[in-house]
Amino acid sequence: MSSSSSSSNGKINSADKLPTDSEFICDMCMEKFSQADRLQEHRAKKHSAPTGI
C-alpha cells in the first residue's frame, strides 16, 4: 500500500514539485521568482497586495 502524489504512470507531475530554497512563488498567481525582493515588487505592482509579510 503506497500513498504518493505521483500519477498512475509513476512520473511526478510538475505541479507536485516542491519549490527549491532559491525559488519564491506568488501565492496569488503562481509566478516564480529567484529573489524574494522581486516577489515583493511583483505583489505590489500586479496585485496591489501588501509586501513584507
PDB file of N, CA and C in Angstrom:
ATOM      1  N   MET A   1       0.853  -1.175   0.000  1.00  0.00           N
ATOM      2  CA  MET A   1       0.000   0.000   0.000  1.00  0.00           C
ATOM      3  C   MET A   1       0.895   1.234   0.000  1.00  0.00           C
ATOM      4  N   SER A   2       0.697   2.077  -0.999  1.00  0.00           N
ATOM      5  CA  SER A   2       1.567   3.239  -1.165  1.00  0.00           C
ATOM      6  C   SER A   2       0.735   4.490  -1.359  1.00  0.00           C
ATOM      7  N   SER A   3       1.086   5.541  -0.642  1.00  0.00           N
ATOM      8  CA  SER A   3       0.400   6.819  -0.865  1.00  0.00           C
ATOM      9  C   SER A   3       1.429   7.814  -1.350  1.00  0.00           C
ATOM     10  N   SER A   4       1.283   8.205  -2.597  1.00  0.00           N
ATOM     11  CA  SER A   4       2.241   9.126  -3.193  1.00  0.00           C
ATOM     12  C   SER A   4       1.503  10.112  -4.067  1.00  0.00           C
ATOM     13  N   SER A   5       2.130  11.246  -4.323  1.00  0.00           N
ATOM     14  CA  SER A   5       1.488  12.265  -5.147  1.00  0.00           C
ATOM     15  C   SER A   5       1.812  12.070  -6.625  1.00  0.00           C
ATOM     16  N   SER A   6       2.466  10.977  -6.974  1.00  0.00           N
ATOM     17  CA  SER A   6       2.788  10.766  -8.375  1.00  0.00           C
ATOM     18  C   SER A   6       1.591  10.176  -9.104  1.00  0.00           C
ATOM     19  N   SER A   7       1.546  10.388 -10.391  1.00  0.00           N
ATOM     20  CA  SER A   7       0.427   9.908 -11.188  1.00  0.00           C
ATOM     21  C   SER A   7       0.543   8.414 -11.416  1.00  0.00           C
ATOM     22  N   SER A   8      -0.456   7.834 -12.065  1.00  0.00           N
ATOM     23  CA  SER A   8      -0.515   6.389 -12.240  1.00  0.00           C
ATOM     24  C   SER A   8       0.620   5.850 -13.098  1.00  0.00           C
ATOM     25  N   ASN A   9       1.247   6.684 -13.918  1.00  0.00           N
ATOM     26  CA  ASN A   9       2.350   6.203 -14.741  1.00  0.00           C
ATOM     27  C   ASN A   9       3.695   6.265 -14.015  1.00  0.00           C
ATOM     28  N   GLY A  10       3.684   6.673 -12.755  1.00  0.00           N
ATOM     29  CA  GLY A  10       4.894   6.683 -11.953  1.00  0.00           C
ATOM     30  C   GLY A  10       5.697   7.963 -12.046  1.00  0.00           C
ATOM     31  N   LYS A  11       5.304   8.879 -12.897  1.00  0.00           N
ATOM     32  CA  LYS A  11       6.018  10.146 -13.024  1.00  0.00           C
ATOM     33  C   LYS A  11       5.364  11.193 -12.139  1.00  0.00           C
ATOM     34  N   ILE A  12       6.176  12.055 -11.576  1.00  0.00           N
ATOM     35  CA  ILE A  12       5.669  13.126 -10.719  1.00  0.00           C
ATOM     36  C   ILE A  12       5.299  14.305 -11.603  1.00  0.00           C
ATOM     37  N   ASN A  13       4.097  14.811 -11.420  1.00  0.00           N
ATOM     38  CA  ASN A  13       3.653  15.981 -12.178  1.00  0.00           C
ATOM     39  C   ASN A  13       4.447  17.199 -11.741  1.00  0.00           C
ATOM     40  N   SER A  14       4.707  18.117 -12.665  1.00  0.00           N
ATOM     41  CA  SER A  14       5.467  19.319 -12.320  1.00  0.00           C
ATOM     42  C   SER A  14       4.739  20.147 -11.272  1.00  0.00           C
ATOM     43  N   ALA A  15       3.410  20.067 -11.220  1.00  0.00           N
ATOM     44  CA  ALA A  15       2.644  20.803 -10.211  1.00  0.00           C
ATOM     45  C   ALA A  15       2.875  20.225  -8.816  1.00  0.00           C
ATOM     46  N   ASP A  16       3.331  18.980  -8.739  1.00  0.00           N
ATOM     47  CA  ASP A  16       3.581  18.331  -7.454  1.00  0.00           C
ATOM     48  C   ASP A  16       4.959  18.661  -6.899  1.00  0.00           C
ATOM     49  N   LYS A  17       5.822  19.284  -7.713  1.00  0.00           N
ATOM     50  CA  LYS A  17       7.185  19.601  -7.278  1.00  0.00           C
ATOM     51  C   LYS A  17       7.173  20.658  -6.192  1.00  0.00           C
ATOM     52  N   LEU A  18       8.005  20.471  -5.204  1.00  0.00           N
ATOM     53  CA  LEU A  18       8.173  21.483  -4.170  1.00  0.00           C
ATOM     54  C   LEU A  18       9.168  22.526  -4.663  1.00  0.00           C
ATOM     55  N   PRO A  19       8.989  23.781  -4.270  1.00  0.00           N
ATOM     56  CA  PRO A  19       9.950  24.804  -4.701  1.00  0.00           C
ATOM     57  C   PRO A  19      11.307  24.577  -4.057  1.00  0.00           C
ATOM     58  N   THR A  20      12.358  25.005  -4.740  1.00  0.00           N
ATOM     59  CA  THR A  20      13.698  24.889  -4.177  1.00  0.00           C
ATOM     60  C   THR A  20      13.923  26.021  -3.186  1.00  0.00           C
ATOM     61  N   ASP A  21      15.033  25.970  -2.466  1.00  0.00           N
ATOM     62  CA  ASP A  21      15.349  27.007  -1.486  1.00  0.00           C
ATOM     63  C   ASP A  21      15.485  28.380  -2.135  1.00  0.00           C
ATOM     64  N   SER A  22      15.865  28.413  -3.399  1.00  0.00           N
ATOM     65  CA  SER A  22      16.104  29.693  -4.068  1.00  0.00           C
ATOM     66  C   SER A  22      14.954  30.084  -4.994  1.00  0.00           C
ATOM     67  N   GLU A  23      13.772  29.552  -4.742  1.00  0.00           N
ATOM     68  CA  GLU A  23      12.630  29.843  -5.590  1.00  0.00           C
ATOM     69  C   GLU A  23      11.485  30.383  -4.744  1.00  0.00           C
ATOM     70  N   PHE A  24      10.932  31.503  -5.161  1.00  0.00           N
ATOM     71  CA  PHE A  24       9.826  32.133  -4.446  1.00  0.00           C
ATOM     72  C   PHE A  24       8.632  32.173  -5.385  1.00  0.00           C
ATOM     73  N   ILE A  25       7.460  31.764  -4.897  1.00  0.00           N
ATOM     74  CA  ILE A  25       6.273  31.660  -5.734  1.00  0.00           C
ATOM     75  C   ILE A  25       5.180  32.577  -5.213  1.00  0.00           C
ATOM     76  N   CYS A  26       4.607  33.352  -6.116  1.00  0.00           N
ATOM     77  CA  CYS A  26       3.494  34.233  -5.763  1.00  0.00           C
ATOM     78  C   CYS A  26       2.281  33.369  -5.441  1.00  0.00           C
ATOM     79  N   ASP A  27       1.712  33.557  -4.263  1.00  0.00           N
ATOM     80  CA  ASP A  27       0.559  32.747  -3.870  1.00  0.00           C
ATOM     81  C   ASP A  27      -0.727  33.191  -4.562  1.00  0.00           C
ATOM     82  N   MET A  28      -0.676  34.287  -5.294  1.00  0.00           N
ATOM     83  CA  MET A  28      -1.865  34.788  -5.974  1.00  0.00           C
ATOM     84  C   MET A  28      -1.949  34.330  -7.432  1.00  0.00           C
ATOM     85  N   CYS A  29      -0.795  34.119  -8.071  1.00  0.00           N
ATOM     86  CA  CYS A  29      -0.828  33.729  -9.488  1.00  0.00           C
ATOM     87  C   CYS A  29       0.163  32.608  -9.830  1.00  0.00           C
ATOM     88  N   MET A  30       0.928  32.158  -8.862  1.00  0.00           N
ATOM     89  CA  MET A  30       1.884  31.063  -9.019  1.00  0.00           C
ATOM     90  C   MET A  30       3.091  31.397  -9.906  1.00  0.00           C
ATOM     91  N   GLU A  31       3.331  32.672 -10.175  1.00  0.00           N
ATOM     92  CA  GLU A  31       4.532  33.077 -10.911  1.00  0.00           C
ATOM     93  C   GLU A  31       5.742  32.858 -10.009  1.00  0.00           C
ATOM     94  N   LYS A  32       6.864  32.424 -10.604  1.00  0.00           N
ATOM     95  CA  LYS A  32       8.058  32.092  -9.829  1.00  0.00           C
ATOM     96  C   LYS A  32       9.113  33.181  -9.949  1.00  0.00           C
ATOM     97  N   PHE A  33       9.841  33.381  -8.852  1.00  0.00           N
ATOM     98  CA  PHE A  33      10.896  34.392  -8.789  1.00  0.00           C
ATOM     99  C   PHE A  33      12.116  33.786  -8.111  1.00  0.00           C
ATOM    100  N   SER A  34      13.302  34.251  -8.509  1.00  0.00           N
ATOM    101  CA  SER A  34      14.534  33.735  -7.910  1.00  0.00           C
ATOM    102  C   SER A  34      14.955  34.544  -6.692  1.00  0.00           C
ATOM    103  N   GLN A  35      14.354  35.732  -6.504  1.00  0.00           N
ATOM    104  CA  GLN A  35      14.712  36.584  -5.366  1.00  0.00           C
ATOM    105  C   GLN A  35      13.448  37.046  -4.653  1.00  0.00           C
ATOM    106  N   ALA A  36      13.508  37.077  -3.332  1.00  0.00           N
ATOM    107  CA  ALA A  36      12.354  37.468  -2.524  1.00  0.00           C
ATOM    108  C   ALA A  36      11.928  38.903  -2.803  1.00  0.00           C
ATOM    109  N   ASP A  37      12.890  39.803  -3.012  1.00  0.00           N
ATOM    110  CA  ASP A  37      12.510  41.195  -3.255  1.00  0.00           C
ATOM    111  C   ASP A  37      11.804  41.373  -4.599  1.00  0.00           C
ATOM    112  N   ARG A  38      12.111  40.528  -5.574  1.00  0.00           N
ATOM    113  CA  ARG A  38      11.396  40.562  -6.854  1.00  0.00           C
ATOM    114  C   ARG A  38       9.942  40.119  -6.654  1.00  0.00           C
ATOM    115  N   LEU A  39       9.742  39.128  -5.802  1.00  0.00           N
ATOM    116  CA  LEU A  39       8.383  38.680  -5.483  1.00  0.00           C
ATOM    117  C   LEU A  39       7.601  39.792  -4.798  1.00  0.00           C
ATOM    118  N   GLN A  40       8.221  40.475  -3.848  1.00  0.00           N
ATOM    119  CA  GLN A  40       7.544  41.566  -3.141  1.00  0.00           C
ATOM    120  C   GLN A  40       7.158  42.682  -4.116  1.00  0.00           C
ATOM    121  N   GLU A  41       8.061  43.005  -5.027  1.00  0.00           N
ATOM    122  CA  GLU A  41       7.788  44.034  -6.034  1.00  0.00           C
ATOM    123  C   GLU A  41       6.624  43.606  -6.937  1.00  0.00           C
ATOM    124  N   HIS A  42       6.619  42.346  -7.340  1.00  0.00           N
ATOM    125  CA  HIS A  42       5.547  41.796  -8.171  1.00  0.00           C
ATOM    126  C   HIS A  42       4.204  41.883  -7.451  1.00  0.00           C
ATOM    127  N   ARG A  43       4.177  41.478  -6.178  1.00  0.00           N
ATOM    128  CA  ARG A  43       2.925  41.514  -5.403  1.00  0.00           C
ATOM    129  C   ARG A  43       2.363  42.930  -5.332  1.00  0.00           C
ATOM    130  N   ALA A  44       3.237  43.907  -5.125  1.00  0.00           N
ATOM    131  CA  ALA A  44       2.792  45.298  -5.009  1.00  0.00           C
ATOM    132  C   ALA A  44       2.268  45.832  -6.343  1.00  0.00           C
ATOM    133  N   LYS A  45       2.995  45.552  -7.429  1.00  0.00           N
ATOM    134  CA  LYS A  45       2.628  46.119  -8.731  1.00  0.00           C
ATOM    135  C   LYS A  45       1.457  45.390  -9.386  1.00  0.00           C
ATOM    136  N   LYS A  46       1.482  44.073  -9.396  1.00  0.00           N
ATOM    137  CA  LYS A  46       0.483  43.300 -10.133  1.00  0.00           C
ATOM    138  C   LYS A  46      -0.803  43.060  -9.350  1.00  0.00           C
ATOM    139  N   HIS A  47      -0.686  42.922  -8.040  1.00  0.00           N
ATOM    140  CA  HIS A  47      -1.851  42.525  -7.250  1.00  0.00           C
ATOM    141  C   HIS A  47      -2.270  43.574  -6.219  1.00  0.00           C
ATOM    142  N   SER A  48      -1.544  44.672  -6.131  1.00  0.00           N
ATOM    143  CA  SER A  48      -1.791  45.690  -5.094  1.00  0.00           C
ATOM    144  C   SER A  48      -1.887  45.040  -3.716  1.00  0.00           C
ATOM    145  N   ALA A  49      -1.050  44.037  -3.510  1.00  0.00           N
ATOM    146  CA  ALA A  49      -1.054  43.270  -2.262  1.00  0.00           C
ATOM    147  C   ALA A  49      -0.026  43.842  -1.292  1.00  0.00           C
ATOM    148  N   PRO A  50      -0.209  43.587   0.001  1.00  0.00           N
ATOM    149  CA  PRO A  50       0.778  44.046   0.975  1.00  0.00           C
ATOM    150  C   PRO A  50       2.118  43.348   0.757  1.00  0.00           C
ATOM    151  N   THR A  51       3.190  44.028   1.117  1.00  0.00           N
ATOM    152  CA  THR A  51       4.531  43.450   0.988  1.00  0.00           C
ATOM    153  C   THR A  51       5.178  43.373   2.363  1.00  0.00           C
ATOM    154  N   GLY A  52       6.254  42.611   2.436  1.00  0.00           N
ATOM    155  CA  GLY A  52       6.991  42.495   3.692  1.00  0.00           C
ATOM    156  C   GLY A  52       6.296  41.642   4.733  1.00  0.00           C
ATOM    157  N   ILE A  53       5.413  40.769   4.278  1.00  0.00           N
ATOM    158  CA  ILE A  53       4.710  39.916   5.240  1.00  0.00           C
ATOM    159  C   ILE A  53       5.325  38.545   5.296  1.00  0.00           C
TER     160      ILE A  53
END
